[in-house]
Amino acid sequence: MEPALPLPHPGPRLVNVHQAKTQLSRLIDAAHAGETIVLAKAGKPWARLMPLAPPPPQRVPGRLRSQGPLGDPVVLLEPMEADELASWDESSLISAVPHP
């Protein structure tokens, strides 16, 4: 049975470089799990081992294809009716954006 891992510290864990050489694999796993480890040289902080930021979500072309084709794309280029334009101007979504 493998020994239980210590509870995470409130701040980064300080590890001496010599100790880090012998436990690099465990330290990398801990960093991947979200822990920040500060590597120290002669007791002074020297470097930081921390998890990478997650990659941005990838765009999936054709994701909305199941919704069916757009009826008449030319309609998107036509000007709005006055009452429809007024409802856009009165929308709470628009009021959050500052007007120049």
C-alpha atoms as a PDB file:
ATOM      1  CA  MET A   1       0.000   0.000   0.000  1.00  0.00           C
ATOM      2  CA  GLU A   2       1.328   3.417  -0.983  1.00  0.00           C
ATOM      3  CA  PRO A   3       1.730   6.023   1.809  1.00  0.00           C
ATOM      4  CA  ALA A   4      -0.868   8.780   1.904  1.00  0.00           C
ATOM      5  CA  LEU A   5       0.141  12.064   0.325  1.00  0.00           C
ATOM      6  CA  PRO A   6       0.535  14.987   2.739  1.00  0.00           C
ATOM      7  CA  LEU A   7      -2.251  17.539   2.840  1.00  0.00           C
ATOM      8  CA  PRO A   8      -1.640  20.580   0.615  1.00  0.00           C
ATOM      9  CA  HIS A   9       0.019  23.547   2.300  1.00  0.00           C
ATOM     10  CA  PRO A  10      -1.726  26.928   2.306  1.00  0.00           C
ATOM     11  CA  GLY A  11       1.204  28.378   0.325  1.00  0.00           C
ATOM     12  CA  PRO A  12       3.804  26.989  -2.043  1.00  0.00           C
ATOM     13  CA  ARG A  13       5.959  24.128  -0.788  1.00  0.00           C
ATOM     14  CA  LEU A  14       9.680  24.948  -0.461  1.00  0.00           C
ATOM     15  CA  VAL A  15      11.964  22.148  -1.720  1.00  0.00           C
ATOM     16  CA  ASN A  16      15.754  22.211  -1.799  1.00  0.00           C
ATOM     17  CA  VAL A  17      17.331  21.526  -5.216  1.00  0.00           C
ATOM     18  CA  HIS A  18      19.142  18.417  -3.943  1.00  0.00           C
ATOM     19  CA  GLN A  19      15.846  16.960  -2.672  1.00  0.00           C
ATOM     20  CA  ALA A  20      14.111  17.991  -5.906  1.00  0.00           C
ATOM     21  CA  LYS A  21      16.645  15.996  -7.964  1.00  0.00           C
ATOM     22  CA  THR A  22      15.710  12.798  -6.158  1.00  0.00           C
ATOM     23  CA  GLN A  23      11.946  13.471  -6.183  1.00  0.00           C
ATOM     24  CA  LEU A  24      11.480  15.237  -9.520  1.00  0.00           C
ATOM     25  CA  SER A  25       8.859  12.815 -10.812  1.00  0.00           C
ATOM     26  CA  ARG A  26       6.727  13.222  -7.641  1.00  0.00           C
ATOM     27  CA  LEU A  27       7.136  16.994  -7.705  1.00  0.00           C
ATOM     28  CA  ILE A  28       6.047  17.156 -11.340  1.00  0.00           C
ATOM     29  CA  ASP A  29       2.962  15.069 -10.514  1.00  0.00           C
ATOM     30  CA  ALA A  30       2.164  17.386  -7.590  1.00  0.00           C
ATOM     31  CA  ALA A  31       2.530  20.458  -9.825  1.00  0.00           C
ATOM     32  CA  HIS A  32       0.330  18.865 -12.465  1.00  0.00           C
ATOM     33  CA  ALA A  33      -2.282  18.300  -9.730  1.00  0.00           C
ATOM     34  CA  GLY A  34      -2.291  22.054  -9.026  1.00  0.00           C
ATOM     35  CA  GLU A  35       0.358  22.520  -6.336  1.00  0.00           C
ATOM     36  CA  THR A  36       3.014  25.228  -6.636  1.00  0.00           C
ATOM     37  CA  ILE A  37       6.493  24.156  -5.538  1.00  0.00           C
ATOM     38  CA  VAL A  38       9.292  26.647  -4.935  1.00  0.00           C
ATOM     39  CA  LEU A  39      12.771  25.251  -5.582  1.00  0.00           C
ATOM     40  CA  ALA A  40      15.388  26.637  -3.211  1.00  0.00           C
ATOM     41  CA  LYS A  41      19.147  26.873  -3.510  1.00  0.00           C
ATOM     42  CA  ALA A  42      20.913  27.115  -0.138  1.00  0.00           C
ATOM     43  CA  GLY A  43      17.525  27.773   1.480  1.00  0.00           C
ATOM     44  CA  LYS A  44      16.707  30.768  -0.755  1.00  0.00           C
ATOM     45  CA  PRO A  45      13.836  30.630  -3.284  1.00  0.00           C
ATOM     46  CA  TRP A  46      15.314  30.153  -6.737  1.00  0.00           C
ATOM     47  CA  ALA A  47      12.656  28.837  -9.145  1.00  0.00           C
ATOM     48  CA  ARG A  48       8.989  27.873  -9.233  1.00  0.00           C
ATOM     49  CA  LEU A  49       7.428  24.625 -10.419  1.00  0.00           C
ATOM     50  CA  MET A  50       3.748  25.091 -11.133  1.00  0.00           C
ATOM     51  CA  PRO A  51       1.007  23.687 -13.379  1.00  0.00           C
ATOM     52  CA  LEU A  52       0.624  25.003 -16.900  1.00  0.00           C
ATOM     53  CA  ALA A  53      -2.422  27.084 -17.727  1.00  0.00           C
ATOM     54  CA  PRO A  54      -5.082  25.004 -19.475  1.00  0.00           C
ATOM     55  CA  PRO A  55      -5.111  25.433 -23.241  1.00  0.00           C
ATOM     56  CA  PRO A  56      -7.909  27.584 -24.653  1.00  0.00           C
ATOM     57  CA  PRO A  57     -10.908  25.615 -25.914  1.00  0.00           C
ATOM     58  CA  GLN A  58     -10.599  24.631 -29.533  1.00  0.00           C
ATOM     59  CA  ARG A  59     -13.126  25.838 -32.075  1.00  0.00           C
ATOM     60  CA  VAL A  60     -15.149  23.027 -33.631  1.00  0.00           C
ATOM     61  CA  PRO A  61     -16.082  23.876 -37.224  1.00  0.00           C
ATOM     62  CA  GLY A  62     -19.548  22.700 -38.207  1.00  0.00           C
ATOM     63  CA  ARG A  63     -20.745  22.309 -34.612  1.00  0.00           C
ATOM     64  CA  LEU A  64     -24.082  23.978 -35.422  1.00  0.00           C
ATOM     65  CA  ARG A  65     -24.570  22.043 -38.652  1.00  0.00           C
ATOM     66  CA  SER A  66     -27.239  19.914 -36.946  1.00  0.00           C
ATOM     67  CA  GLN A  67     -29.373  23.087 -36.591  1.00  0.00           C
ATOM     68  CA  GLY A  68     -29.888  23.039 -40.333  1.00  0.00           C
ATOM     69  CA  PRO A  69     -28.778  25.484 -43.021  1.00  0.00           C
ATOM     70  CA  LEU A  70     -29.391  29.205 -42.736  1.00  0.00           C
ATOM     71  CA  GLY A  71     -32.571  29.925 -44.670  1.00  0.00           C
ATOM     72  CA  ASP A  72     -31.599  32.991 -46.679  1.00  0.00           C
ATOM     73  CA  PRO A  73     -28.246  34.555 -45.708  1.00  0.00           C
ATOM     74  CA  VAL A  74     -29.019  37.728 -47.713  1.00  0.00           C
ATOM     75  CA  VAL A  75     -31.650  38.581 -45.075  1.00  0.00           C
ATOM     76  CA  LEU A  76     -28.816  39.239 -42.609  1.00  0.00           C
ATOM     77  CA  LEU A  77     -27.619  42.141 -44.769  1.00  0.00           C
ATOM     78  CA  GLU A  78     -30.993  43.877 -45.023  1.00  0.00           C
ATOM     79  CA  PRO A  79     -31.609  46.926 -42.770  1.00  0.00           C
ATOM     80  CA  MET A  80     -33.801  46.404 -39.699  1.00  0.00           C
ATOM     81  CA  GLU A  81     -37.326  47.734 -39.431  1.00  0.00           C
ATOM     82  CA  ALA A  82     -37.653  50.838 -37.226  1.00  0.00           C
ATOM     83  CA  ASP A  83     -39.518  49.029 -34.409  1.00  0.00           C
ATOM     84  CA  GLU A  84     -36.974  46.164 -34.389  1.00  0.00           C
ATOM     85  CA  LEU A  85     -34.101  48.653 -34.261  1.00  0.00           C
ATOM     86  CA  ALA A  86     -35.807  50.480 -31.367  1.00  0.00           C
ATOM     87  CA  SER A  87     -36.123  47.218 -29.408  1.00  0.00           C
ATOM     88  CA  TRP A  88     -32.352  46.696 -29.813  1.00  0.00           C
ATOM     89  CA  ASP A  89     -31.680  50.231 -28.553  1.00  0.00           C
ATOM     90  CA  GLU A  90     -33.887  49.632 -25.485  1.00  0.00           C
ATOM     91  CA  SER A  91     -32.326  46.251 -24.684  1.00  0.00           C
ATOM     92  CA  SER A  92     -30.562  45.778 -21.337  1.00  0.00           C
ATOM     93  CA  LEU A  93     -27.726  44.049 -23.199  1.00  0.00           C
ATOM     94  CA  ILE A  94     -26.885  47.224 -25.071  1.00  0.00           C
ATOM     95  CA  SER A  95     -27.050  49.465 -21.978  1.00  0.00           C
ATOM     96  CA  ALA A  96     -24.006  47.671 -20.469  1.00  0.00           C
ATOM     97  CA  VAL A  97     -21.845  48.883 -23.363  1.00  0.00           C
ATOM     98  CA  PRO A  98     -20.682  52.509 -23.056  1.00  0.00           C
ATOM     99  CA  HIS A  99     -21.646  54.742 -25.976  1.00  0.00           C
ATOM    100  CA  PRO A 100     -18.902  56.903 -27.517  1.00  0.00           C
END
